Protein backbone atom coordinates (compact mmCIF):
# COMPACT_ATOMS: atom_id res chain seq x y z
CA UNK A 1 0.00 0.00 0.00
CA UNK A 2 1.16 3.48 -0.81
CA UNK A 3 -0.20 6.90 -0.09
CA UNK A 4 -1.88 8.31 -3.19
CA UNK A 5 -0.77 11.89 -2.48
CA UNK A 6 2.75 12.96 -1.64
CA UNK A 7 2.96 15.25 1.39
CA UNK A 8 4.41 18.66 0.57
CA UNK A 9 5.90 20.81 3.28
CA UNK A 10 4.78 24.44 3.40
CA UNK A 11 8.33 25.68 2.82
CA UNK A 12 7.50 28.88 4.69
CA UNK A 13 9.14 28.65 8.09
CA UNK A 14 12.89 28.18 8.11
CA UNK A 15 14.76 28.41 11.39
CA UNK A 16 17.70 30.79 11.40
CA UNK A 17 20.27 29.18 13.67
CA UNK A 18 22.36 32.39 13.71
CA UNK A 19 19.47 34.64 14.84
CA UNK A 20 19.26 35.90 18.41
CA UNK A 21 16.50 34.27 20.42
CA UNK A 22 13.91 36.51 22.05
CA UNK A 23 13.58 36.58 25.82
CA UNK A 24 10.80 34.40 27.21
CA UNK A 25 9.13 37.20 29.16
CA UNK A 26 5.79 35.50 29.75
CA UNK A 27 7.27 32.12 30.82
CA UNK A 28 3.90 30.37 30.21
CA UNK A 29 2.26 32.45 32.97
CA UNK A 30 -0.90 33.67 31.26
CA UNK A 31 -2.59 35.07 34.37
CA UNK A 32 -2.82 38.86 34.69
CA UNK A 33 -4.37 41.25 37.21
CA UNK A 34 -5.27 43.81 34.53
CA UNK A 35 -6.36 43.65 30.87
CA UNK A 36 -3.66 43.86 28.19
CA UNK A 37 -0.79 42.90 30.50
CA UNK A 38 0.16 39.63 28.78
CA UNK A 39 -0.45 40.07 25.05
CA UNK A 40 0.95 37.60 22.53
CA UNK A 41 0.47 37.35 18.78
CA UNK A 42 1.70 35.61 15.66
CA UNK A 43 2.29 36.86 12.12
CA UNK A 44 0.90 35.09 9.07
CA UNK A 45 2.03 35.74 5.49
CA UNK A 46 -0.68 35.53 2.83
CA UNK A 47 0.17 35.63 -0.86
CA UNK A 48 -2.28 37.78 -2.84
CA UNK A 49 -2.56 38.90 -6.47
CA UNK A 50 -0.99 42.24 -5.43
CA UNK A 51 1.89 40.74 -3.44
CA UNK A 52 2.36 39.57 0.14
CA UNK A 53 0.04 40.52 2.97
CA UNK A 54 1.12 40.14 6.59
CA UNK A 55 -1.67 39.58 9.13
CA UNK A 56 -1.32 39.78 12.91
CA UNK A 57 -4.33 39.61 15.22
CA UNK A 58 -4.13 40.83 18.79
C-alpha atoms as a PDB file:
ATOM      1  CA  UNK A   1       0.000   0.000   0.000  1.00  0.00           C
ATOM      2  CA  UNK A   2       1.162   3.478  -0.807  1.00  0.00           C
ATOM      3  CA  UNK A   3      -0.198   6.897  -0.085  1.00  0.00           C
ATOM      4  CA  UNK A   4      -1.884   8.308  -3.186  1.00  0.00           C
ATOM      5  CA  UNK A   5      -0.765  11.888  -2.483  1.00  0.00           C
ATOM      6  CA  UNK A   6       2.748  12.959  -1.638  1.00  0.00           C
ATOM      7  CA  UNK A   7       2.956  15.248   1.391  1.00  0.00           C
ATOM      8  CA  UNK A   8       4.408  18.663   0.565  1.00  0.00           C
ATOM      9  CA  UNK A   9       5.900  20.813   3.278  1.00  0.00           C
ATOM     10  CA  UNK A  10       4.777  24.438   3.396  1.00  0.00           C
ATOM     11  CA  UNK A  11       8.335  25.678   2.824  1.00  0.00           C
ATOM     12  CA  UNK A  12       7.500  28.882   4.689  1.00  0.00           C
ATOM     13  CA  UNK A  13       9.142  28.646   8.095  1.00  0.00           C
ATOM     14  CA  UNK A  14      12.887  28.177   8.113  1.00  0.00           C
ATOM     15  CA  UNK A  15      14.756  28.409  11.391  1.00  0.00           C
ATOM     16  CA  UNK A  16      17.700  30.790  11.399  1.00  0.00           C
ATOM     17  CA  UNK A  17      20.267  29.181  13.669  1.00  0.00           C
ATOM     18  CA  UNK A  18      22.362  32.389  13.707  1.00  0.00           C
ATOM     19  CA  UNK A  19      19.473  34.639  14.842  1.00  0.00           C
ATOM     20  CA  UNK A  20      19.263  35.904  18.407  1.00  0.00           C
ATOM     21  CA  UNK A  21      16.495  34.275  20.415  1.00  0.00           C
ATOM     22  CA  UNK A  22      13.908  36.510  22.052  1.00  0.00           C
ATOM     23  CA  UNK A  23      13.579  36.583  25.818  1.00  0.00           C
ATOM     24  CA  UNK A  24      10.800  34.402  27.213  1.00  0.00           C
ATOM     25  CA  UNK A  25       9.134  37.196  29.158  1.00  0.00           C
ATOM     26  CA  UNK A  26       5.794  35.504  29.748  1.00  0.00           C
ATOM     27  CA  UNK A  27       7.271  32.122  30.821  1.00  0.00           C
ATOM     28  CA  UNK A  28       3.901  30.368  30.210  1.00  0.00           C
ATOM     29  CA  UNK A  29       2.260  32.445  32.966  1.00  0.00           C
ATOM     30  CA  UNK A  30      -0.905  33.674  31.259  1.00  0.00           C
ATOM     31  CA  UNK A  31      -2.586  35.072  34.371  1.00  0.00           C
ATOM     32  CA  UNK A  32      -2.817  38.857  34.690  1.00  0.00           C
ATOM     33  CA  UNK A  33      -4.366  41.248  37.212  1.00  0.00           C
ATOM     34  CA  UNK A  34      -5.267  43.810  34.529  1.00  0.00           C
ATOM     35  CA  UNK A  35      -6.358  43.652  30.869  1.00  0.00           C
ATOM     36  CA  UNK A  36      -3.662  43.862  28.186  1.00  0.00           C
ATOM     37  CA  UNK A  37      -0.791  42.904  30.502  1.00  0.00           C
ATOM     38  CA  UNK A  38       0.160  39.631  28.782  1.00  0.00           C
ATOM     39  CA  UNK A  39      -0.447  40.073  25.055  1.00  0.00           C
ATOM     40  CA  UNK A  40       0.955  37.604  22.526  1.00  0.00           C
ATOM     41  CA  UNK A  41       0.471  37.346  18.777  1.00  0.00           C
ATOM     42  CA  UNK A  42       1.697  35.608  15.663  1.00  0.00           C
ATOM     43  CA  UNK A  43       2.286  36.860  12.120  1.00  0.00           C
ATOM     44  CA  UNK A  44       0.901  35.086   9.066  1.00  0.00           C
ATOM     45  CA  UNK A  45       2.034  35.739   5.489  1.00  0.00           C
ATOM     46  CA  UNK A  46      -0.683  35.532   2.834  1.00  0.00           C
ATOM     47  CA  UNK A  47       0.174  35.631  -0.863  1.00  0.00           C
ATOM     48  CA  UNK A  48      -2.277  37.780  -2.844  1.00  0.00           C
ATOM     49  CA  UNK A  49      -2.559  38.901  -6.468  1.00  0.00           C
ATOM     50  CA  UNK A  50      -0.989  42.241  -5.425  1.00  0.00           C
ATOM     51  CA  UNK A  51       1.887  40.739  -3.436  1.00  0.00           C
ATOM     52  CA  UNK A  52       2.361  39.569   0.139  1.00  0.00           C
ATOM     53  CA  UNK A  53       0.042  40.525   2.973  1.00  0.00           C
ATOM     54  CA  UNK A  54       1.120  40.139   6.587  1.00  0.00           C
ATOM     55  CA  UNK A  55      -1.666  39.585   9.133  1.00  0.00           C
ATOM     56  CA  UNK A  56      -1.324  39.784  12.909  1.00  0.00           C
ATOM     57  CA  UNK A  57      -4.330  39.607  15.219  1.00  0.00           C
ATOM     58  CA  UNK A  58      -4.128  40.833  18.794  1.00  0.00           C
END
